[in-house]
Amino acid sequence: MTGAEALKAVSQELMEDGLNREPEELTLDVDATGIEAEKQAAQWTYHKVQGYSTVKR
C-alpha cells in the first residue's frame, strides 16, 4: 500500500462514522482560495486585493 492509499484509507475510516450519523446541525466549512489578478474584471476580495475566488457564489 502506498502512502497516498494509506492516507485515503485512514481518512475514509475516520469520516465514515460521522457521515453515517444524522446530526442535529451540520456545518459546512468551505475555505476558498483567492487568486490575485490585475484584470479589470477582477473583483475586490476580502483580502483587500483584486482577484478571483475559487468558490462560486
PDB file of N, CA and C in Angstrom:
ATOM      1  N   MET A   1       0.860  -1.171   0.000  1.00  0.00           N
ATOM      2  CA  MET A   1       0.000   0.000   0.000  1.00  0.00           C
ATOM      3  C   MET A   1       0.911   1.241   0.000  1.00  0.00           C
ATOM      4  N   THR A   2       0.638   2.162  -0.896  1.00  0.00           N
ATOM      5  CA  THR A   2       1.420   3.396  -0.953  1.00  0.00           C
ATOM      6  C   THR A   2       0.975   4.343   0.148  1.00  0.00           C
ATOM      7  N   GLY A   3       1.763   5.398   0.377  1.00  0.00           N
ATOM      8  CA  GLY A   3       1.406   6.381   1.391  1.00  0.00           C
ATOM      9  C   GLY A   3       0.077   7.045   1.102  1.00  0.00           C
ATOM     10  N   ALA A   4      -0.162   7.372  -0.180  1.00  0.00           N
ATOM     11  CA  ALA A   4      -1.419   8.019  -0.566  1.00  0.00           C
ATOM     12  C   ALA A   4      -2.604   7.092  -0.342  1.00  0.00           C
ATOM     13  N   GLU A   5      -2.430   5.811  -0.633  1.00  0.00           N
ATOM     14  CA  GLU A   5      -3.517   4.842  -0.422  1.00  0.00           C
ATOM     15  C   GLU A   5      -3.811   4.672   1.067  1.00  0.00           C
ATOM     16  N   ALA A   6      -2.751   4.648   1.876  1.00  0.00           N
ATOM     17  CA  ALA A   6      -2.932   4.523   3.326  1.00  0.00           C
ATOM     18  C   ALA A   6      -3.642   5.743   3.896  1.00  0.00           C
ATOM     19  N   LEU A   7      -3.259   6.927   3.430  1.00  0.00           N
ATOM     20  CA  LEU A   7      -3.908   8.158   3.886  1.00  0.00           C
ATOM     21  C   LEU A   7      -5.385   8.164   3.512  1.00  0.00           C
ATOM     22  N   LYS A   8      -5.701   7.715   2.306  1.00  0.00           N
ATOM     23  CA  LYS A   8      -7.098   7.642   1.853  1.00  0.00           C
ATOM     24  C   LYS A   8      -7.893   6.676   2.730  1.00  0.00           C
ATOM     25  N   ALA A   9      -7.299   5.523   3.047  1.00  0.00           N
ATOM     26  CA  ALA A   9      -7.984   4.528   3.869  1.00  0.00           C
ATOM     27  C   ALA A   9      -8.260   5.065   5.272  1.00  0.00           C
ATOM     28  N   VAL A  10      -7.282   5.724   5.867  1.00  0.00           N
ATOM     29  CA  VAL A  10      -7.463   6.296   7.209  1.00  0.00           C
ATOM     30  C   VAL A  10      -8.516   7.394   7.177  1.00  0.00           C
ATOM     31  N   SER A  11      -8.452   8.246   6.167  1.00  0.00           N
ATOM     32  CA  SER A  11      -9.415   9.334   6.033  1.00  0.00           C
ATOM     33  C   SER A  11     -10.838   8.787   5.908  1.00  0.00           C
ATOM     34  N   GLN A  12     -11.022   7.769   5.078  1.00  0.00           N
ATOM     35  CA  GLN A  12     -12.356   7.185   4.897  1.00  0.00           C
ATOM     36  C   GLN A  12     -12.861   6.571   6.199  1.00  0.00           C
ATOM     37  N   GLU A  13     -11.971   5.918   6.924  1.00  0.00           N
ATOM     38  CA  GLU A  13     -12.370   5.282   8.181  1.00  0.00           C
ATOM     39  C   GLU A  13     -12.794   6.321   9.216  1.00  0.00           C
ATOM     40  N   LEU A  14     -12.063   7.418   9.291  1.00  0.00           N
ATOM     41  CA  LEU A  14     -12.396   8.464  10.254  1.00  0.00           C
ATOM     42  C   LEU A  14     -13.686   9.190   9.895  1.00  0.00           C
ATOM     43  N   MET A  15     -13.930   9.393   8.610  1.00  0.00           N
ATOM     44  CA  MET A  15     -15.122  10.131   8.179  1.00  0.00           C
ATOM     45  C   MET A  15     -16.375   9.270   8.184  1.00  0.00           C
ATOM     46  N   GLU A  16     -16.205   7.964   8.030  1.00  0.00           N
ATOM     47  CA  GLU A  16     -17.350   7.063   7.900  1.00  0.00           C
ATOM     48  C   GLU A  16     -18.332   7.182   9.062  1.00  0.00           C
ATOM     49  N   ASP A  17     -17.820   7.194  10.286  1.00  0.00           N
ATOM     50  CA  ASP A  17     -18.686   7.263  11.454  1.00  0.00           C
ATOM     51  C   ASP A  17     -19.506   8.550  11.453  1.00  0.00           C
ATOM     52  N   GLY A  18     -18.875   9.661  11.185  1.00  0.00           N
ATOM     53  CA  GLY A  18     -19.579  10.936  11.182  1.00  0.00           C
ATOM     54  C   GLY A  18     -20.576  11.067  10.056  1.00  0.00           C
ATOM     55  N   LEU A  19     -20.237  10.509   8.900  1.00  0.00           N
ATOM     56  CA  LEU A  19     -21.131  10.628   7.748  1.00  0.00           C
ATOM     57  C   LEU A  19     -22.331   9.701   7.846  1.00  0.00           C
ATOM     58  N   ASN A  20     -22.219   8.631   8.618  1.00  0.00           N
ATOM     59  CA  ASN A  20     -23.326   7.689   8.759  1.00  0.00           C
ATOM     60  C   ASN A  20     -24.340   8.122   9.806  1.00  0.00           C
ATOM     61  N   ARG A  21     -23.990   9.115  10.641  1.00  0.00           N
ATOM     62  CA  ARG A  21     -24.918   9.638  11.643  1.00  0.00           C
ATOM     63  C   ARG A  21     -25.665  10.838  11.083  1.00  0.00           C
ATOM     64  N   GLU A  22     -26.863  11.069  11.555  1.00  0.00           N
ATOM     65  CA  GLU A  22     -27.627  12.247  11.168  1.00  0.00           C
ATOM     66  C   GLU A  22     -27.531  13.268  12.293  1.00  0.00           C
ATOM     67  N   PRO A  23     -26.713  14.296  12.098  1.00  0.00           N
ATOM     68  CA  PRO A  23     -26.547  15.287  13.168  1.00  0.00           C
ATOM     69  C   PRO A  23     -27.753  16.218  13.268  1.00  0.00           C
ATOM     70  N   GLU A  24     -27.911  16.816  14.457  1.00  0.00           N
ATOM     71  CA  GLU A  24     -28.963  17.804  14.636  1.00  0.00           C
ATOM     72  C   GLU A  24     -28.669  19.036  13.785  1.00  0.00           C
ATOM     73  N   GLU A  25     -27.389  19.373  13.681  1.00  0.00           N
ATOM     74  CA  GLU A  25     -26.982  20.528  12.902  1.00  0.00           C
ATOM     75  C   GLU A  25     -25.691  20.172  12.177  1.00  0.00           C
ATOM     76  N   LEU A  26     -25.558  20.625  10.961  1.00  0.00           N
ATOM     77  CA  LEU A  26     -24.372  20.330  10.170  1.00  0.00           C
ATOM     78  C   LEU A  26     -23.754  21.640   9.703  1.00  0.00           C
ATOM     79  N   THR A  27     -22.464  21.804   9.912  1.00  0.00           N
ATOM     80  CA  THR A  27     -21.752  22.992   9.465  1.00  0.00           C
ATOM     81  C   THR A  27     -20.797  22.595   8.358  1.00  0.00           C
ATOM     82  N   LEU A  28     -20.904  23.246   7.227  1.00  0.00           N
ATOM     83  CA  LEU A  28     -20.004  23.005   6.109  1.00  0.00           C
ATOM     84  C   LEU A  28     -19.035  24.175   6.053  1.00  0.00           C
ATOM     85  N   ASP A  29     -17.769  23.907   6.306  1.00  0.00           N
ATOM     86  CA  ASP A  29     -16.738  24.941   6.334  1.00  0.00           C
ATOM     87  C   ASP A  29     -15.940  24.865   5.033  1.00  0.00           C
ATOM     88  N   VAL A  30     -16.185  25.805   4.155  1.00  0.00           N
ATOM     89  CA  VAL A  30     -15.505  25.835   2.870  1.00  0.00           C
ATOM     90  C   VAL A  30     -14.455  26.932   2.912  1.00  0.00           C
ATOM     91  N   ASP A  31     -13.225  26.560   2.672  1.00  0.00           N
ATOM     92  CA  ASP A  31     -12.127  27.519   2.675  1.00  0.00           C
ATOM     93  C   ASP A  31     -11.784  27.839   1.230  1.00  0.00           C
ATOM     94  N   ALA A  32     -12.104  29.055   0.811  1.00  0.00           N
ATOM     95  CA  ALA A  32     -11.858  29.463  -0.566  1.00  0.00           C
ATOM     96  C   ALA A  32     -10.442  29.996  -0.718  1.00  0.00           C
ATOM     97  N   THR A  33      -9.851  29.704  -1.837  1.00  0.00           N
ATOM     98  CA  THR A  33      -8.539  30.231  -2.157  1.00  0.00           C
ATOM     99  C   THR A  33      -8.717  31.422  -3.080  1.00  0.00           C
ATOM    100  N   GLY A  34      -8.080  32.523  -2.747  1.00  0.00           N
ATOM    101  CA  GLY A  34      -8.154  33.702  -3.594  1.00  0.00           C
ATOM    102  C   GLY A  34      -6.994  33.728  -4.574  1.00  0.00           C
ATOM    103  N   ILE A  35      -7.286  34.113  -5.807  1.00  0.00           N
ATOM    104  CA  ILE A  35      -6.262  34.213  -6.835  1.00  0.00           C
ATOM    105  C   ILE A  35      -6.137  35.676  -7.214  1.00  0.00           C
ATOM    106  N   GLU A  36      -4.996  36.266  -6.911  1.00  0.00           N
ATOM    107  CA  GLU A  36      -4.770  37.680  -7.191  1.00  0.00           C
ATOM    108  C   GLU A  36      -4.638  37.888  -8.697  1.00  0.00           C
ATOM    109  N   ALA A  37      -5.295  38.947  -9.211  1.00  0.00           N
ATOM    110  CA  ALA A  37      -5.258  39.246 -10.644  1.00  0.00           C
ATOM    111  C   ALA A  37      -5.339  40.752 -10.848  1.00  0.00           C
ATOM    112  N   GLU A  38      -4.781  41.220 -11.938  1.00  0.00           N
ATOM    113  CA  GLU A  38      -4.791  42.651 -12.239  1.00  0.00           C
ATOM    114  C   GLU A  38      -5.755  43.004 -13.375  1.00  0.00           C
ATOM    115  N   LYS A  39      -6.577  42.067 -13.790  1.00  0.00           N
ATOM    116  CA  LYS A  39      -7.538  42.327 -14.863  1.00  0.00           C
ATOM    117  C   LYS A  39      -8.626  43.270 -14.384  1.00  0.00           C
ATOM    118  N   GLN A  40      -9.207  44.038 -15.298  1.00  0.00           N
ATOM    119  CA  GLN A  40     -10.275  44.970 -14.936  1.00  0.00           C
ATOM    120  C   GLN A  40     -11.504  44.245 -14.412  1.00  0.00           C
ATOM    121  N   ALA A  41     -11.741  43.022 -14.880  1.00  0.00           N
ATOM    122  CA  ALA A  41     -12.927  42.267 -14.467  1.00  0.00           C
ATOM    123  C   ALA A  41     -12.778  41.678 -13.057  1.00  0.00           C
ATOM    124  N   ALA A  42     -11.575  41.713 -12.497  1.00  0.00           N
ATOM    125  CA  ALA A  42     -11.351  41.146 -11.162  1.00  0.00           C
ATOM    126  C   ALA A  42     -12.075  41.972 -10.109  1.00  0.00           C
ATOM    127  N   GLN A  43     -12.634  41.287  -9.131  1.00  0.00           N
ATOM    128  CA  GLN A  43     -13.359  41.921  -8.028  1.00  0.00           C
ATOM    129  C   GLN A  43     -12.422  42.085  -6.828  1.00  0.00           C
ATOM    130  N   TRP A  44     -12.776  43.001  -5.925  1.00  0.00           N
ATOM    131  CA  TRP A  44     -12.013  43.135  -4.686  1.00  0.00           C
ATOM    132  C   TRP A  44     -12.389  41.979  -3.775  1.00  0.00           C
ATOM    133  N   THR A  45     -11.404  41.333  -3.184  1.00  0.00           N
ATOM    134  CA  THR A  45     -11.646  40.203  -2.297  1.00  0.00           C
ATOM    135  C   THR A  45     -11.617  40.658  -0.843  1.00  0.00           C
ATOM    136  N   TYR A  46     -11.972  39.758   0.065  1.00  0.00           N
ATOM    137  CA  TYR A  46     -11.926  40.114   1.483  1.00  0.00           C
ATOM    138  C   TYR A  46     -10.488  40.252   1.980  1.00  0.00           C
ATOM    139  N   HIS A  47      -9.507  39.852   1.166  1.00  0.00           N
ATOM    140  CA  HIS A  47      -8.094  40.063   1.496  1.00  0.00           C
ATOM    141  C   HIS A  47      -7.627  41.450   1.053  1.00  0.00           C
ATOM    142  N   LYS A  48      -8.565  42.237   0.498  1.00  0.00           N
ATOM    143  CA  LYS A  48      -8.313  43.602   0.029  1.00  0.00           C
ATOM    144  C   LYS A  48      -7.320  43.661  -1.133  1.00  0.00           C
ATOM    145  N   VAL A  49      -7.431  42.654  -2.018  1.00  0.00           N
ATOM    146  CA  VAL A  49      -6.687  42.651  -3.275  1.00  0.00           C
ATOM    147  C   VAL A  49      -7.675  42.342  -4.389  1.00  0.00           C
ATOM    148  N   GLN A  50      -7.360  42.733  -5.605  1.00  0.00           N
ATOM    149  CA  GLN A  50      -8.228  42.382  -6.724  1.00  0.00           C
ATOM    150  C   GLN A  50      -7.903  40.972  -7.174  1.00  0.00           C
ATOM    151  N   GLY A  51      -8.942  40.201  -7.429  1.00  0.00           N
ATOM    152  CA  GLY A  51      -8.709  38.825  -7.856  1.00  0.00           C
ATOM    153  C   GLY A  51      -9.991  38.042  -7.991  1.00  0.00           C
ATOM    154  N   TYR A  52      -9.843  36.736  -7.937  1.00  0.00           N
ATOM    155  CA  TYR A  52     -10.945  35.805  -8.121  1.00  0.00           C
ATOM    156  C   TYR A  52     -10.964  34.804  -6.976  1.00  0.00           C
ATOM    157  N   SER A  53     -12.151  34.293  -6.664  1.00  0.00           N
ATOM    158  CA  SER A  53     -12.317  33.280  -5.641  1.00  0.00           C
ATOM    159  C   SER A  53     -12.570  31.941  -6.308  1.00  0.00           C
ATOM    160  N   THR A  54     -12.077  30.854  -5.716  1.00  0.00           N
ATOM    161  CA  THR A  54     -12.276  29.527  -6.279  1.00  0.00           C
ATOM    162  C   THR A  54     -13.648  28.951  -5.945  1.00  0.00           C
ATOM    163  N   VAL A  55     -14.427  29.662  -5.120  1.00  0.00           N
ATOM    164  CA  VAL A  55     -15.757  29.202  -4.740  1.00  0.00           C
ATOM    165  C   VAL A  55     -16.807  30.008  -5.478  1.00  0.00           C
ATOM    166  N   LYS A  56     -17.739  29.323  -6.149  1.00  0.00           N
ATOM    167  CA  LYS A  56     -18.842  30.008  -6.833  1.00  0.00           C
ATOM    168  C   LYS A  56     -19.863  30.455  -5.801  1.00  0.00           C
ATOM    169  N   ARG A  57     -20.395  31.632  -5.986  1.00  0.00           N
ATOM    170  CA  ARG A  57     -21.416  32.135  -5.054  1.00  0.00           C
ATOM    171  C   ARG A  57     -22.762  32.128  -5.709  1.00  0.00           C
TER     172      ARG A  57
END
